[in-house]
Amino acid sequence: MKSLFSALSPNIEKDDLLLTKKVLKRSVDEDINHVQILTGLFNEYLGGKSFAFQSGRMAFWAILRSFSWPAGSEIIVPGFTCAAAINPIIWSELKPVFVDINESLNIDLKKIESKISGKTKGILVQHTFGLPVDMIKIKELAEKYNLKIIEDCAHSLGSNFRGKLLGSWGDAAFFSLGRDKIISSVFGGLAFTNNSLLADRLANLMQEAS
């Protein structure tokens, strides 16, 4: 097996350890690269390139690094989120700019524009609990202000907006494979993009992290 992520899940349980033991034994016996199989399936499903990291937050961090934005650049984020979505922004020396949510628990599209400044580089679109944000309106805002769209699909693998899968709308997206997510590998995450330049940068970062 060529790739093995070793991050510790904080809520790991006995059945996770048993599953990991079986996967590792089978991988050694049969020389199976499960990471390659997984990313291949995601590529086929979403129609782009995916890259495996230790967690969803690390996948997000890799995406931010791939954009190479200057320190102090601002990222629009929903006010209802978690530290896992904010820490990568801070690690990248960028600034999260919070926007309130609406009754759907997603970012309030009517309040985004007032938070955009000359330093704003991107919008983090979190599809909370798998409920899709209106991606057509997000894309209109992004085009108007020349912003990049990063989709947080930690909760929304398999969800779609108007028939198009979430994660394939923006410039990049990340998914979580934690044990409480839609598909679990106990820990792990994926970065995804349809942009060839970003894909090359993410490929290099995945190699560095493996």
Protein backbone atom coordinates (compact mmCIF):
# COMPACT_ATOMS: atom_id res chain seq x y z
CA MET A 1 0.00 0.00 0.00
CA LYS A 2 1.60 3.27 -1.09
CA SER A 3 -0.45 5.75 0.93
CA LEU A 4 -1.50 5.59 4.57
CA PHE A 5 -2.93 8.43 6.61
CA SER A 6 -2.28 8.21 10.33
CA ALA A 7 -4.32 11.02 11.88
CA LEU A 8 -6.25 10.00 15.02
CA SER A 9 -10.01 10.38 15.04
CA PRO A 10 -11.11 11.80 18.43
CA ASN A 11 -14.16 9.54 18.55
CA ILE A 12 -12.57 6.36 17.22
CA GLU A 13 -14.18 3.13 18.43
CA LYS A 14 -13.29 -0.56 18.55
CA ASP A 15 -15.08 -1.39 15.29
CA ASP A 16 -13.02 1.29 13.51
CA LEU A 17 -9.79 -0.34 14.66
CA LEU A 18 -11.00 -3.76 13.52
CA LEU A 19 -11.94 -2.38 10.10
CA THR A 20 -8.60 -0.60 9.75
CA LYS A 21 -6.74 -3.81 10.68
CA LYS A 22 -8.62 -5.79 8.02
CA VAL A 23 -8.04 -3.14 5.34
CA LEU A 24 -4.32 -2.92 6.11
CA LYS A 25 -3.88 -6.70 6.07
CA ARG A 26 -5.68 -7.03 2.76
CA SER A 27 -3.69 -4.13 1.31
CA VAL A 28 -0.36 -5.72 2.27
CA ASP A 29 -1.41 -9.15 1.02
CA GLU A 30 -2.77 -7.93 -2.29
CA ASP A 31 -0.85 -4.65 -2.78
CA ILE A 32 -4.08 -2.65 -3.12
CA ASN A 33 -3.89 1.14 -3.25
CA HIS A 34 -7.22 2.08 -1.66
CA VAL A 35 -6.53 5.81 -1.93
CA GLN A 36 -6.11 5.51 -5.68
CA ILE A 37 -9.31 3.48 -5.96
CA LEU A 38 -11.25 6.00 -3.87
CA THR A 39 -10.06 9.07 -5.77
CA GLY A 40 -10.74 7.29 -9.05
CA LEU A 41 -14.34 6.68 -8.01
CA PHE A 42 -14.75 10.32 -6.97
CA ASN A 43 -13.26 11.50 -10.27
CA GLU A 44 -15.76 9.42 -12.20
CA TYR A 45 -18.68 10.43 -9.99
CA LEU A 46 -18.05 14.20 -9.96
CA GLY A 47 -16.31 14.60 -13.29
CA GLY A 48 -12.98 16.12 -12.26
CA LYS A 49 -9.91 15.43 -10.15
CA SER A 50 -9.89 14.52 -6.46
CA PHE A 51 -7.01 14.29 -3.99
CA ALA A 52 -6.89 12.51 -0.64
CA PHE A 53 -5.73 14.13 2.60
CA GLN A 54 -5.76 13.26 6.30
CA SER A 55 -9.03 15.12 6.91
CA GLY A 56 -11.55 17.43 5.32
CA ARG A 57 -9.91 20.42 6.98
CA MET A 58 -6.52 19.46 5.53
CA ALA A 59 -8.13 19.15 2.10
CA PHE A 60 -9.53 22.67 2.56
CA TRP A 61 -6.12 23.93 3.67
CA ALA A 62 -4.56 22.43 0.54
CA ILE A 63 -7.15 24.17 -1.63
CA LEU A 64 -6.37 27.50 0.00
CA ARG A 65 -2.64 26.98 -0.54
CA SER A 66 -3.33 26.17 -4.18
CA PHE A 67 -4.87 29.58 -4.77
CA SER A 68 -1.70 31.32 -3.44
CA TRP A 69 -3.60 34.33 -2.09
CA PRO A 70 -1.56 36.97 -0.24
CA ALA A 71 -1.65 37.07 3.55
CA GLY A 72 -4.58 39.09 4.87
CA SER A 73 -6.89 38.21 1.99
CA GLU A 74 -10.50 37.71 3.07
CA ILE A 75 -12.76 34.68 2.69
CA ILE A 76 -16.54 34.98 3.09
CA VAL A 77 -17.80 32.23 5.44
CA PRO A 78 -21.18 31.34 6.95
CA GLY A 79 -21.73 32.39 10.56
CA PHE A 80 -22.92 28.89 11.45
CA THR A 81 -19.95 26.58 10.94
CA CYS A 82 -17.25 24.83 12.96
CA ALA A 83 -13.59 25.31 13.80
CA ALA A 84 -12.65 22.70 11.21
CA ALA A 85 -13.76 25.13 8.49
CA ILE A 86 -12.19 28.23 10.03
CA ASN A 87 -8.80 26.94 11.20
CA PRO A 88 -7.45 26.25 7.68
CA ILE A 89 -8.20 29.87 6.76
CA ILE A 90 -6.28 31.11 9.79
CA TRP A 91 -3.42 28.64 9.16
CA SER A 92 -3.15 30.12 5.66
CA GLU A 93 -2.81 33.66 7.13
CA LEU A 94 -6.13 34.62 5.58
CA LYS A 95 -9.08 36.31 7.29
CA PRO A 96 -12.53 34.73 7.66
CA VAL A 97 -15.37 37.23 7.24
CA PHE A 98 -18.58 35.90 8.78
CA VAL A 99 -21.98 36.36 7.19
CA ASP A 100 -25.21 35.52 9.03
CA ILE A 101 -27.36 32.56 8.06
CA ASN A 102 -31.05 32.28 7.17
CA GLU A 103 -33.73 29.80 8.21
CA SER A 104 -32.14 27.07 6.06
CA LEU A 105 -29.02 27.27 8.28
CA ASN A 106 -27.05 28.19 5.18
CA ILE A 107 -25.39 31.52 4.46
CA ASP A 108 -27.86 34.36 3.82
CA LEU A 109 -27.27 35.30 0.19
CA LYS A 110 -28.81 38.72 0.73
CA LYS A 111 -26.13 39.64 3.27
CA ILE A 112 -23.00 38.54 1.41
CA GLU A 113 -22.54 41.56 -0.84
CA SER A 114 -22.25 44.02 2.06
CA LYS A 115 -19.30 42.01 3.45
CA ILE A 116 -17.27 41.97 0.24
CA SER A 117 -14.24 44.27 0.22
CA GLY A 118 -11.24 44.90 -1.98
CA LYS A 119 -9.42 42.14 -0.06
CA THR A 120 -12.09 39.48 -0.61
CA LYS A 121 -10.79 36.58 -2.68
CA GLY A 122 -13.29 33.79 -2.18
CA ILE A 123 -16.55 32.47 -0.76
CA LEU A 124 -16.77 29.33 1.35
CA VAL A 125 -20.14 27.80 0.49
CA GLN A 126 -21.16 25.37 3.23
CA HIS A 127 -24.08 23.12 2.30
CA THR A 128 -25.22 22.66 5.90
CA PHE A 129 -26.56 19.19 6.72
CA GLY A 130 -26.64 18.46 3.00
CA LEU A 131 -29.09 21.26 2.18
CA PRO A 132 -27.84 23.01 -0.97
CA VAL A 133 -27.12 26.70 -1.20
CA ASP A 134 -28.52 28.41 -4.33
CA MET A 135 -25.38 27.99 -6.44
CA ILE A 136 -26.71 30.05 -9.35
CA LYS A 137 -26.92 33.13 -7.13
CA ILE A 138 -23.52 32.35 -5.61
CA LYS A 139 -21.97 32.13 -9.07
CA GLU A 140 -23.55 35.44 -10.05
CA LEU A 141 -21.95 37.10 -7.01
CA ALA A 142 -18.63 35.44 -7.67
CA GLU A 143 -18.57 36.58 -11.28
CA LYS A 144 -19.58 40.11 -10.34
CA TYR A 145 -16.72 40.49 -7.85
CA ASN A 146 -14.20 38.08 -9.43
CA LEU A 147 -14.26 35.69 -6.47
CA LYS A 148 -13.42 32.01 -6.22
CA ILE A 149 -16.02 29.54 -4.92
CA ILE A 150 -15.00 26.78 -2.53
CA GLU A 151 -17.76 24.33 -1.62
CA ASP A 152 -17.78 22.75 1.83
CA CYS A 153 -19.36 19.38 1.08
CA ALA A 154 -18.56 17.68 4.40
CA HIS A 155 -22.30 17.09 4.90
CA SER A 156 -23.45 16.88 1.31
CA LEU A 157 -21.87 14.04 -0.65
CA GLY A 158 -24.54 12.94 -3.13
CA SER A 159 -26.71 16.05 -2.79
CA ASN A 160 -27.42 18.17 -5.83
CA PHE A 161 -28.74 21.57 -6.83
CA ARG A 162 -30.98 21.60 -9.90
CA GLY A 163 -29.66 18.21 -10.93
CA LYS A 164 -25.96 19.08 -10.69
CA LEU A 165 -23.95 17.46 -7.90
CA LEU A 166 -22.73 19.66 -5.09
CA GLY A 167 -18.98 19.96 -5.21
CA SER A 168 -18.96 20.38 -8.97
CA TRP A 169 -20.37 23.91 -9.04
CA GLY A 170 -17.44 25.90 -7.69
CA ASP A 171 -13.75 26.27 -8.42
CA ALA A 172 -12.95 23.66 -5.78
CA ALA A 173 -14.63 21.60 -3.07
CA PHE A 174 -13.70 19.46 -0.12
CA PHE A 175 -15.33 16.41 1.43
CA SER A 176 -14.93 14.76 4.83
CA LEU A 177 -14.69 11.01 5.39
CA GLY A 178 -14.86 11.13 9.19
CA ARG A 179 -16.80 8.42 11.01
CA ASP A 180 -19.88 10.65 11.39
CA LYS A 181 -20.04 11.59 7.71
CA ILE A 182 -22.05 10.12 4.81
CA ILE A 183 -19.19 7.82 3.80
CA SER A 184 -16.66 7.03 6.52
CA SER A 185 -13.07 5.83 6.44
CA VAL A 186 -12.79 6.79 10.15
CA PHE A 187 -10.69 9.78 9.13
CA GLY A 188 -9.68 11.37 5.85
CA GLY A 189 -10.91 13.93 3.36
CA LEU A 190 -10.85 14.81 -0.31
CA ALA A 191 -10.14 17.97 -2.26
CA PHE A 192 -11.84 18.21 -5.65
CA THR A 193 -11.56 20.54 -8.62
CA ASN A 194 -12.34 20.83 -12.32
CA ASN A 195 -9.52 23.36 -12.77
CA SER A 196 -6.39 21.82 -14.32
CA LEU A 197 -3.98 24.31 -12.72
CA LEU A 198 -5.46 23.76 -9.27
CA ALA A 199 -5.39 20.02 -9.88
CA ASP A 200 -1.65 20.11 -10.56
CA ARG A 201 -1.02 22.09 -7.38
CA LEU A 202 -3.22 19.81 -5.30
CA ALA A 203 -1.45 16.75 -6.70
CA ASN A 204 1.87 18.14 -5.50
CA LEU A 205 0.46 18.93 -2.06
CA MET A 206 -1.02 15.45 -1.74
CA GLN A 207 2.38 13.95 -2.49
CA GLU A 208 3.98 16.16 0.15
CA ALA A 209 1.39 15.06 2.72
CA SER A 210 1.54 11.33 1.98
